[in-house]
Amino acid sequence: MKSLYGKFLILTVGIMLSSAVVAFLSVNTYYHRYLKDQNDVKNVKVAEQIASFIEENDGLDLTAYFTMLASTGYKLLVVMPEGTSTVYGEAFRDNNLEEAAIRRVYSGEVYHGMRDLKAETFVTGYFSNESANTVGVPFTHAGQTYALFLRPDIKMLFTEIHYLLGGMVIVMAIISILAMLIVARKLIQPIVALTKATKKVGEEKFTGTLSIDRRDEIGQLAKSFQQMMDRLSENDQIRKAFISDVSHDFQSPLLNIKGYADLLSDEELPANERKRYAEIIWSETERLSTLTKQLLLLTSLDQLISPLQKKVFRVDQQVKETVRKSQWLLQEKEMSVMLEIDEVRYKGDPEFLEKVWENLLSNALKYTPDGGTIDIKLTEQVNGICFSIEDTGIGMSKETKVRIFDRFYRADHSRTREAEGTGLGLSIVEQVVRLHDGRIEVDSTLGSGTMFTVYLPNL
């Protein structure tokens, strides 16, 4: 697999080369369309001035004069009256001047080779070193007619300043490439670190810290990834604890059921003992059933794809029915319930909201000692409804209150026989309330009781 660094290097060089090609084609096209005619006119004027100077000076030494002109930056092709030609200055790369053009100049016409040069894609006309890419004029000397063709000598025109500018461009290109490579390396290093961290996450290794300190988008990505790793690590620990807890919760009633089932097989067992053992088996079976139902409910909430089945229903009637179902336990524990319930209609999912009231009441019953009190209030507000349940139970510590809605979390005292639970009830409550865009608050002091308040907005 090619590295991102290599791809960035190839892409950078490719962009620079492509830019150079596009720039060359653009300059070449611009010359042929706009500058070629102007260049032709300028050089024709120079050639006509040379011819006029020669004609005004009959005793002029043509060889010395043309040699001097060649040293000033021009290439000259002079065709003698007898048809021979002499080049002054550096020779042309391609001597392709046509005889017809020479005859026209002899006859008095001006030759516009620069203007009429055929435009070719990869040949810049200004640099085309050929005799056809010249201008030509006739002149008379010593009573004879000559043909003069000239063009600038590009090599001589490139003075020291041009070489300095060319060198500067080369140095700029080299520095630009090196700078891009350094920047690319700094950009790619955190990506490489993120890639390694991703592989570790794929191997379920959630420990470690990303040492990426940046304030750009990559820094934000690294920060989010670190938060994800921390959350995954926490969830992994919770999952392992959950497996241990659930295994214990399933194992304990199963062992009890197995043990009392073995005792029931004794044919000499008294009827009252047989009945008590059967009640224990039934109780443990109910405990397993409750745990299974809550696990299934959480799974259905997690996988909820379709919207909630919302409809208008009487919340007050549902709350009262929930309390009525627990009447036997209230009487058994000699607890009193104070109800302050308004007649409230609400549009929501009645099946899920019923689990909220059931779990909050069940939680209060578990952790309130015999003879305690539970206060339940339901009021209708301007933008929704408010439900609260307050008990005089054992309360909870600050550490427990922070994690009370974490899935599978149970405080240490929840393992006592008097307050058995699955650690899933409040997680279900929080998730159902959140699905209704509501919020739940808890106010508790260790040893003084707990109050849960649910706010549900109108949907």
Protein backbone atom coordinates (compact mmCIF):
# COMPACT_ATOMS: atom_id res chain seq x y z
CA MET A 1 0.00 0.00 0.00
CA LYS A 2 1.37 3.41 -0.96
CA SER A 3 1.86 5.76 1.96
CA LEU A 4 -0.02 9.02 2.21
CA TYR A 5 3.33 10.83 2.33
CA GLY A 6 4.38 9.34 -1.01
CA LYS A 7 1.03 10.19 -2.57
CA PHE A 8 1.31 13.76 -1.33
CA LEU A 9 4.83 14.05 -2.81
CA ILE A 10 3.73 12.66 -6.18
CA LEU A 11 0.68 14.90 -6.21
CA THR A 12 2.75 18.00 -5.40
CA VAL A 13 5.30 17.32 -8.13
CA GLY A 14 2.51 16.48 -10.57
CA ILE A 15 0.73 19.76 -9.83
CA MET A 16 3.94 21.75 -10.35
CA LEU A 17 4.69 20.01 -13.65
CA SER A 18 1.11 20.40 -14.85
CA SER A 19 1.19 24.07 -13.90
CA ALA A 20 4.43 24.54 -15.84
CA VAL A 21 2.94 22.89 -18.94
CA VAL A 22 -0.25 24.95 -18.74
CA ALA A 23 1.78 28.14 -18.21
CA PHE A 24 3.99 27.33 -21.24
CA LEU A 25 0.99 26.66 -23.48
CA SER A 26 -0.73 29.83 -22.27
CA VAL A 27 2.34 32.03 -22.93
CA ASN A 28 2.89 30.40 -26.31
CA THR A 29 -0.73 30.99 -27.31
CA TYR A 30 -0.61 34.57 -26.06
CA TYR A 31 2.51 35.27 -28.14
CA HIS A 32 1.02 33.89 -31.34
CA ARG A 33 -2.27 35.74 -30.89
CA TYR A 34 -1.19 39.14 -29.55
CA LEU A 35 2.60 39.72 -29.57
CA LYS A 36 3.73 38.19 -32.84
CA ASP A 37 2.43 41.05 -35.04
CA GLN A 38 3.87 43.70 -32.72
CA ASN A 39 7.25 41.96 -32.72
CA ASP A 40 7.17 41.78 -36.50
CA VAL A 41 6.42 45.53 -36.87
CA LYS A 42 9.17 46.46 -34.41
CA ASN A 43 11.83 44.43 -36.20
CA VAL A 44 10.72 45.66 -39.65
CA LYS A 45 11.25 49.21 -38.43
CA VAL A 46 14.77 48.31 -37.24
CA ALA A 47 15.56 46.66 -40.59
CA GLU A 48 14.29 49.71 -42.53
CA GLN A 49 16.45 52.04 -40.43
CA ILE A 50 19.50 49.88 -41.17
CA ALA A 51 18.71 49.90 -44.89
CA SER A 52 18.20 53.68 -44.85
CA PHE A 53 21.51 54.19 -43.05
CA ILE A 54 23.37 52.05 -45.62
CA GLU A 55 21.80 53.88 -48.56
CA GLU A 56 22.77 57.25 -47.07
CA ASN A 57 26.42 56.16 -46.67
CA ASP A 58 27.81 54.94 -50.01
CA GLY A 59 31.33 54.37 -48.73
CA LEU A 60 30.19 52.19 -45.81
CA ASP A 61 32.08 48.93 -45.19
CA LEU A 62 29.15 46.47 -45.19
CA THR A 63 31.08 43.59 -43.63
CA ALA A 64 32.32 45.65 -40.70
CA TYR A 65 28.92 47.30 -40.28
CA PHE A 66 26.99 44.02 -40.28
CA THR A 67 29.54 42.45 -37.91
CA MET A 68 29.03 45.38 -35.52
CA LEU A 69 25.23 44.97 -35.72
CA ALA A 70 25.54 41.23 -34.98
CA SER A 71 27.54 42.02 -31.85
CA THR A 72 24.70 44.24 -30.57
CA GLY A 73 22.21 41.37 -30.47
CA TYR A 74 20.95 40.61 -33.99
CA LYS A 75 21.27 37.77 -36.48
CA LEU A 76 21.55 38.97 -40.04
CA LEU A 77 21.23 37.16 -43.34
CA VAL A 78 22.41 39.26 -46.28
CA VAL A 79 21.73 38.02 -49.82
CA MET A 80 24.16 39.47 -52.40
CA PRO A 81 23.08 40.60 -55.87
CA GLU A 82 24.61 37.49 -57.38
CA GLY A 83 22.47 35.29 -55.09
CA THR A 84 25.04 34.25 -52.49
CA SER A 85 24.19 34.78 -48.82
CA THR A 86 26.21 35.59 -45.71
CA VAL A 87 25.15 35.14 -42.06
CA TYR A 88 26.38 37.58 -39.44
CA GLY A 89 26.13 36.45 -35.87
CA GLU A 90 25.35 32.92 -34.72
CA ALA A 91 24.13 30.58 -37.44
CA PHE A 92 20.46 29.75 -37.75
CA ARG A 93 19.38 26.36 -36.44
CA ASP A 94 17.33 25.82 -39.57
CA ASN A 95 18.04 27.70 -42.81
CA ASN A 96 14.58 27.34 -44.30
CA LEU A 97 14.06 30.73 -45.92
CA GLU A 98 12.32 30.18 -49.26
CA GLU A 99 13.71 31.49 -52.54
CA ALA A 100 10.35 33.04 -53.36
CA ALA A 101 10.60 35.23 -50.26
CA ILE A 102 14.07 36.40 -51.34
CA ARG A 103 12.84 37.29 -54.83
CA ARG A 104 9.94 39.30 -53.39
CA VAL A 105 12.33 41.32 -51.24
CA TYR A 106 14.55 41.92 -54.30
CA SER A 107 11.48 43.26 -56.05
CA GLY A 108 10.92 45.79 -53.26
CA GLU A 109 8.48 43.98 -50.93
CA VAL A 110 8.88 43.66 -47.15
CA TYR A 111 9.12 40.10 -45.80
CA HIS A 112 7.04 39.45 -42.64
CA GLY A 113 8.38 36.08 -41.55
CA MET A 114 7.76 36.68 -37.85
CA ARG A 115 4.13 37.62 -38.41
CA ASP A 116 3.41 34.79 -40.82
CA LEU A 117 5.25 32.06 -38.88
CA LYS A 118 2.99 29.06 -38.49
CA ALA A 119 1.76 28.69 -34.91
CA GLU A 120 2.79 25.32 -33.45
CA THR A 121 1.78 24.15 -30.00
CA PHE A 122 5.20 23.37 -28.55
CA VAL A 123 7.28 25.90 -30.48
CA THR A 124 7.30 29.41 -29.10
CA GLY A 125 7.66 31.71 -32.11
CA TYR A 126 9.81 34.23 -30.33
CA PHE A 127 12.52 31.60 -29.68
CA SER A 128 12.26 29.76 -33.02
CA ASN A 129 15.82 30.04 -34.36
CA GLU A 130 15.22 29.64 -38.10
CA SER A 131 15.84 31.89 -41.05
CA ALA A 132 12.15 31.86 -42.02
CA ASN A 133 11.36 33.51 -38.65
CA THR A 134 12.85 36.86 -39.71
CA VAL A 135 11.86 40.14 -41.34
CA GLY A 136 13.35 41.19 -44.67
CA VAL A 137 13.80 44.51 -46.50
CA PRO A 138 15.72 45.51 -49.65
CA PHE A 139 18.53 48.10 -49.70
CA THR A 140 20.79 49.55 -52.37
CA HIS A 141 24.52 49.94 -52.01
CA ALA A 142 27.02 50.92 -54.69
CA GLY A 143 24.29 50.74 -57.27
CA GLN A 144 23.34 47.14 -56.45
CA THR A 145 20.28 45.73 -54.69
CA TYR A 146 20.64 43.53 -51.62
CA ALA A 147 18.16 41.63 -49.46
CA LEU A 148 18.53 42.00 -45.68
CA PHE A 149 16.88 39.54 -43.26
CA LEU A 150 17.25 39.88 -39.49
CA ARG A 151 15.93 38.73 -36.15
CA PRO A 152 17.04 39.23 -32.51
CA ASP A 153 19.76 36.93 -31.16
CA ILE A 154 17.96 35.43 -28.16
CA LYS A 155 21.14 34.17 -26.50
CA MET A 156 22.64 37.63 -26.45
CA LEU A 157 19.44 39.16 -25.18
CA PHE A 158 19.59 36.87 -22.15
CA THR A 159 21.88 38.99 -20.04
CA GLU A 160 23.03 38.36 -16.50
CA ILE A 161 19.78 39.63 -15.03
CA HIS A 162 17.83 37.03 -16.97
CA TYR A 163 20.07 34.24 -15.66
CA LEU A 164 19.67 35.59 -12.13
CA LEU A 165 15.91 35.60 -12.53
CA GLY A 166 15.99 32.07 -13.93
CA GLY A 167 18.13 30.89 -11.03
CA MET A 168 15.76 32.58 -8.59
CA VAL A 169 12.80 30.71 -10.11
CA ILE A 170 14.66 27.39 -9.79
CA VAL A 171 15.61 28.08 -6.16
CA MET A 172 12.00 29.10 -5.42
CA ALA A 173 10.74 25.83 -6.92
CA ILE A 174 13.20 23.76 -4.85
CA ILE A 175 12.34 25.60 -1.64
CA SER A 176 8.62 25.27 -2.38
CA ILE A 177 8.93 21.52 -2.85
CA LEU A 178 10.94 21.12 0.36
CA ALA A 179 8.49 23.30 2.29
CA MET A 180 5.55 21.28 0.96
CA LEU A 181 7.28 18.06 2.01
CA ILE A 182 7.86 19.39 5.53
CA VAL A 183 4.25 20.57 5.81
CA ALA A 184 3.03 17.25 4.43
CA ARG A 185 5.05 15.37 7.02
CA LYS A 186 3.60 17.45 9.84
CA LEU A 187 0.10 16.87 8.48
CA ILE A 188 0.58 13.15 7.98
CA GLN A 189 2.27 12.34 11.32
CA PRO A 190 -0.94 12.75 13.38
CA ILE A 191 -2.88 10.79 10.77
CA VAL A 192 -0.36 7.95 11.13
CA ALA A 193 -0.80 8.11 14.91
CA LEU A 194 -4.58 7.99 14.49
CA THR A 195 -4.24 5.00 12.15
CA LYS A 196 -2.19 3.09 14.74
CA ALA A 197 -4.70 3.98 17.45
CA THR A 198 -7.55 2.79 15.21
CA LYS A 199 -5.84 -0.57 14.75
CA LYS A 200 -5.53 -0.87 18.54
CA VAL A 201 -9.22 -0.12 18.93
CA GLY A 202 -9.93 -2.81 16.32
CA GLU A 203 -7.98 -5.22 18.55
CA GLU A 204 -10.13 -4.09 21.53
CA LYS A 205 -7.19 -2.27 23.14
CA PHE A 206 -8.77 0.93 24.43
CA THR A 207 -5.89 2.16 26.60
CA GLY A 208 -3.35 4.79 25.63
CA THR A 209 -3.25 8.52 25.00
CA LEU A 210 -2.85 10.30 21.66
CA SER A 211 0.00 12.82 21.88
CA ILE A 212 -1.44 15.14 19.23
CA ASP A 213 -1.53 18.77 20.28
CA ARG A 214 -3.01 20.77 17.41
CA ARG A 215 -5.67 23.45 17.12
CA ASP A 216 -6.90 22.61 13.62
CA GLU A 217 -9.36 20.04 12.29
CA ILE A 218 -6.88 17.19 12.83
CA GLY A 219 -6.51 18.26 16.46
CA GLN A 220 -10.29 18.23 16.85
CA LEU A 221 -10.41 14.78 15.26
CA ALA A 222 -7.71 13.52 17.64
CA LYS A 223 -9.56 14.97 20.62
CA SER A 224 -12.82 13.34 19.54
CA PHE A 225 -11.01 10.05 18.92
CA GLN A 226 -9.43 10.20 22.39
CA GLN A 227 -12.86 10.81 23.91
CA MET A 228 -14.21 7.86 21.95
CA MET A 229 -11.36 5.64 23.22
CA ASP A 230 -11.99 6.72 26.80
CA ARG A 231 -15.69 6.05 26.39
CA LEU A 232 -15.03 2.67 24.79
CA SER A 233 -12.65 1.80 27.61
CA GLU A 234 -15.29 2.76 30.16
CA ASN A 235 -17.98 0.83 28.30
CA ASP A 236 -15.68 -2.17 28.06
CA GLN A 237 -15.18 -2.13 31.80
CA ILE A 238 -18.93 -1.72 32.33
CA ARG A 239 -19.59 -4.58 29.91
CA LYS A 240 -17.20 -6.87 31.75
CA ALA A 241 -18.72 -5.85 35.08
CA PHE A 242 -22.18 -6.43 33.62
CA ILE A 243 -21.26 -9.92 32.45
CA SER A 244 -19.99 -10.66 35.93
CA ASP A 245 -23.10 -9.16 37.57
CA VAL A 246 -25.58 -10.82 35.24
CA SER A 247 -23.77 -14.13 35.56
CA HIS A 248 -24.07 -13.80 39.32
CA ASP A 249 -27.72 -12.74 39.10
CA PHE A 250 -28.58 -15.67 36.86
CA GLN A 251 -26.42 -18.14 38.75
CA SER A 252 -27.83 -17.38 42.21
CA PRO A 253 -31.53 -18.04 41.44
CA LEU A 254 -30.64 -21.01 39.23
CA LEU A 255 -28.69 -22.60 42.08
CA ASN A 256 -31.58 -21.89 44.44
CA ILE A 257 -34.08 -23.41 42.02
CA LYS A 258 -31.88 -26.46 41.53
CA GLY A 259 -31.31 -26.90 45.28
CA TYR A 260 -34.96 -26.56 46.29
CA ALA A 261 -36.04 -28.74 43.35
CA ASP A 262 -33.79 -31.48 44.71
CA LEU A 263 -35.34 -31.05 48.15
CA LEU A 264 -38.83 -31.33 46.66
CA SER A 265 -37.95 -34.72 45.27
CA ASP A 266 -37.92 -36.08 48.85
CA GLU A 267 -41.24 -37.94 49.16
CA GLU A 268 -41.18 -37.70 52.96
CA LEU A 269 -40.99 -33.90 52.91
CA PRO A 270 -43.81 -32.29 54.99
CA ALA A 271 -46.49 -30.42 53.09
CA ASN A 272 -45.71 -27.07 54.70
CA GLU A 273 -42.02 -27.41 53.78
CA ARG A 274 -42.93 -28.47 50.25
CA LYS A 275 -45.14 -25.37 49.92
CA ARG A 276 -42.40 -23.05 51.21
CA TYR A 277 -39.84 -24.53 48.81
CA ALA A 278 -42.25 -24.14 45.91
CA GLU A 279 -42.77 -20.47 46.84
CA ILE A 280 -39.01 -19.91 46.85
CA ILE A 281 -38.70 -21.53 43.42
CA TRP A 282 -41.54 -19.33 42.14
CA SER A 283 -39.87 -16.22 43.60
CA GLU A 284 -36.54 -17.03 41.97
CA THR A 285 -38.29 -17.71 38.69
CA GLU A 286 -39.96 -14.29 38.87
CA ARG A 287 -36.58 -12.74 39.55
CA LEU A 288 -35.12 -14.35 36.41
CA SER A 289 -38.17 -13.30 34.41
CA THR A 290 -37.83 -9.67 35.52
CA LEU A 291 -34.15 -9.60 34.61
CA THR A 292 -34.85 -11.09 31.19
CA LYS A 293 -37.70 -8.64 30.49
CA GLN A 294 -35.55 -5.64 31.37
CA LEU A 295 -32.73 -6.85 29.17
CA LEU A 296 -35.16 -7.31 26.28
CA LEU A 297 -36.65 -3.86 26.89
CA LEU A 298 -33.23 -2.21 26.81
CA THR A 299 -32.43 -4.05 23.61
CA SER A 300 -35.66 -2.84 22.02
CA LEU A 301 -34.88 0.75 23.08
CA ASP A 302 -31.37 0.53 21.63
CA GLN A 303 -32.66 -0.85 18.35
CA LEU A 304 -35.63 1.50 18.12
CA ILE A 305 -35.80 2.44 14.44
CA SER A 306 -39.45 3.40 13.96
CA PRO A 307 -40.81 6.46 15.82
CA LEU A 308 -42.49 6.13 19.18
CA GLN A 309 -46.11 5.00 19.03
CA LYS A 310 -47.48 8.29 20.28
CA LYS A 311 -51.07 8.84 21.24
CA VAL A 312 -53.01 10.94 23.73
CA PHE A 313 -53.76 9.09 26.98
CA ARG A 314 -54.56 9.77 30.62
CA VAL A 315 -51.25 9.79 32.51
CA ASP A 316 -52.97 10.15 35.87
CA GLN A 317 -54.91 6.93 35.34
CA GLN A 318 -51.74 5.10 34.30
CA VAL A 319 -49.85 6.28 37.42
CA LYS A 320 -52.74 5.28 39.70
CA GLU A 321 -52.89 1.84 38.08
CA THR A 322 -49.16 1.42 38.62
CA VAL A 323 -49.57 2.19 42.32
CA ARG A 324 -52.53 -0.18 42.57
CA LYS A 325 -50.46 -3.07 41.16
CA SER A 326 -47.95 -2.58 44.01
CA GLN A 327 -50.60 -2.29 46.73
CA TRP A 328 -49.83 -5.72 48.16
CA LEU A 329 -46.17 -4.84 48.66
CA LEU A 330 -47.06 -1.51 50.24
CA GLN A 331 -49.29 -3.30 52.73
CA GLU A 332 -46.68 -5.95 53.39
CA LYS A 333 -44.06 -3.30 54.22
CA GLU A 334 -46.64 -1.15 56.06
CA MET A 335 -45.75 1.83 53.87
CA SER A 336 -47.96 4.80 53.08
CA VAL A 337 -48.30 6.51 49.70
CA MET A 338 -49.33 10.14 49.32
CA LEU A 339 -50.80 10.95 45.89
CA GLU A 340 -51.17 14.49 44.51
CA ILE A 341 -52.23 13.77 40.96
CA ASP A 342 -53.94 16.14 38.57
CA GLU A 343 -56.00 14.95 35.65
CA VAL A 344 -53.36 15.02 32.88
CA ARG A 345 -53.61 14.12 29.21
CA TYR A 346 -50.36 13.67 27.34
CA LYS A 347 -49.31 12.62 23.83
CA GLY A 348 -46.57 10.01 24.09
CA ASP A 349 -45.88 6.29 23.99
CA PRO A 350 -48.00 4.84 26.85
CA GLU A 351 -46.25 1.45 26.88
CA PHE A 352 -42.78 2.92 27.35
CA LEU A 353 -43.90 5.61 29.80
CA GLU A 354 -45.60 2.95 31.92
CA LYS A 355 -42.12 1.43 32.43
CA VAL A 356 -40.92 4.81 33.77
CA TRP A 357 -43.55 4.93 36.53
CA GLU A 358 -43.11 1.21 37.31
CA ASN A 359 -39.33 1.39 37.65
CA LEU A 360 -39.31 4.58 39.70
CA LEU A 361 -41.93 3.17 42.08
CA SER A 362 -40.11 -0.17 42.25
CA ASN A 363 -36.89 1.67 43.06
CA ALA A 364 -38.58 3.58 45.88
CA LEU A 365 -40.09 0.37 47.31
CA LYS A 366 -36.75 -1.43 47.26
CA TYR A 367 -34.77 1.20 49.11
CA THR A 368 -37.39 2.47 51.57
CA PRO A 369 -37.51 0.52 54.87
CA ASP A 370 -40.74 -0.83 56.36
CA GLY A 371 -43.05 1.89 57.63
CA GLY A 372 -41.64 4.50 55.27
CA THR A 373 -43.48 7.02 53.12
CA ILE A 374 -43.62 7.61 49.36
CA ASP A 375 -44.97 10.89 47.90
CA ILE A 376 -46.06 10.90 44.25
CA LYS A 377 -47.01 14.11 42.41
CA LEU A 378 -48.23 14.64 38.86
CA THR A 379 -48.93 18.14 37.57
CA GLU A 380 -49.63 19.68 34.20
CA GLN A 381 -47.47 22.64 33.23
CA VAL A 382 -47.60 25.18 30.40
CA ASN A 383 -45.19 23.31 28.12
CA GLY A 384 -45.56 19.75 29.38
CA ILE A 385 -46.01 17.61 32.49
CA CYS A 386 -44.03 17.05 35.69
CA PHE A 387 -43.92 13.78 37.62
CA SER A 388 -42.06 13.39 40.91
CA ILE A 389 -41.65 10.55 43.38
CA GLU A 390 -40.02 11.06 46.79
CA ASP A 391 -39.25 8.42 49.39
CA THR A 392 -37.85 8.29 52.91
CA GLY A 393 -35.41 5.53 52.04
CA ILE A 394 -31.71 5.05 52.48
CA GLY A 395 -30.74 7.68 49.90
CA MET A 396 -27.47 7.56 47.98
CA SER A 397 -23.97 9.00 48.08
CA LYS A 398 -22.65 11.63 45.66
CA GLU A 399 -20.58 8.96 43.89
CA THR A 400 -23.66 6.80 43.37
CA LYS A 401 -25.79 9.74 42.22
CA VAL A 402 -23.30 10.55 39.45
CA ARG A 403 -23.61 7.05 37.96
CA ILE A 404 -27.16 6.17 38.91
CA PHE A 405 -28.35 6.17 35.27
CA ASP A 406 -25.39 4.18 33.94
CA ARG A 407 -26.47 0.91 32.48
CA PHE A 408 -25.77 -2.13 34.68
CA TYR A 409 -24.55 0.05 37.55
CA ARG A 410 -25.61 -0.82 41.06
CA ALA A 411 -24.47 0.61 44.36
CA ASP A 412 -22.90 -1.79 46.80
CA HIS A 413 -25.99 -1.90 49.00
CA SER A 414 -28.07 -3.11 46.05
CA ARG A 415 -26.61 -6.57 46.55
CA THR A 416 -28.30 -6.95 49.91
CA ARG A 417 -31.14 -9.36 50.12
CA GLU A 418 -33.55 -6.59 51.06
CA ALA A 419 -32.84 -4.60 47.89
CA GLU A 420 -32.22 -6.98 45.06
CA GLY A 421 -32.17 -5.49 41.57
CA THR A 422 -30.73 -5.75 38.12
CA GLY A 423 -29.19 -2.30 37.77
CA LEU A 424 -31.20 -1.75 34.59
CA GLY A 425 -34.37 -0.06 35.81
CA LEU A 426 -33.09 3.53 36.01
CA SER A 427 -31.24 3.11 32.70
CA ILE A 428 -34.57 2.23 31.11
CA VAL A 429 -36.20 5.26 32.75
CA GLU A 430 -33.52 7.65 31.50
CA GLN A 431 -33.63 6.30 27.96
CA VAL A 432 -37.43 6.44 27.67
CA VAL A 433 -37.48 10.01 29.00
CA ARG A 434 -34.77 11.01 26.53
CA LEU A 435 -36.75 9.47 23.64
CA HIS A 436 -39.61 11.81 24.63
CA ASP A 437 -37.18 14.79 24.59
CA GLY A 438 -37.59 15.12 28.35
CA ARG A 439 -35.20 15.19 31.28
CA ILE A 440 -34.93 13.51 34.67
CA GLU A 441 -33.40 14.97 37.82
CA VAL A 442 -32.43 13.29 41.08
CA ASP A 443 -32.06 14.84 44.52
CA SER A 444 -30.77 12.54 47.22
CA THR A 445 -28.94 12.59 50.52
CA LEU A 446 -27.45 9.48 52.04
CA GLY A 447 -29.69 8.32 54.86
CA SER A 448 -32.44 10.89 54.13
CA GLY A 449 -34.27 9.59 51.07
CA THR A 450 -34.40 10.29 47.35
CA MET A 451 -36.59 12.28 44.96
CA PHE A 452 -36.77 11.71 41.18
CA THR A 453 -38.39 14.40 39.00
CA VAL A 454 -39.36 13.78 35.38
CA TYR A 455 -40.14 16.64 32.97
CA LEU A 456 -41.82 15.72 29.68
CA PRO A 457 -42.42 18.45 27.07
CA ASN A 458 -45.47 18.53 24.86
CA LEU A 459 -44.68 16.70 21.61
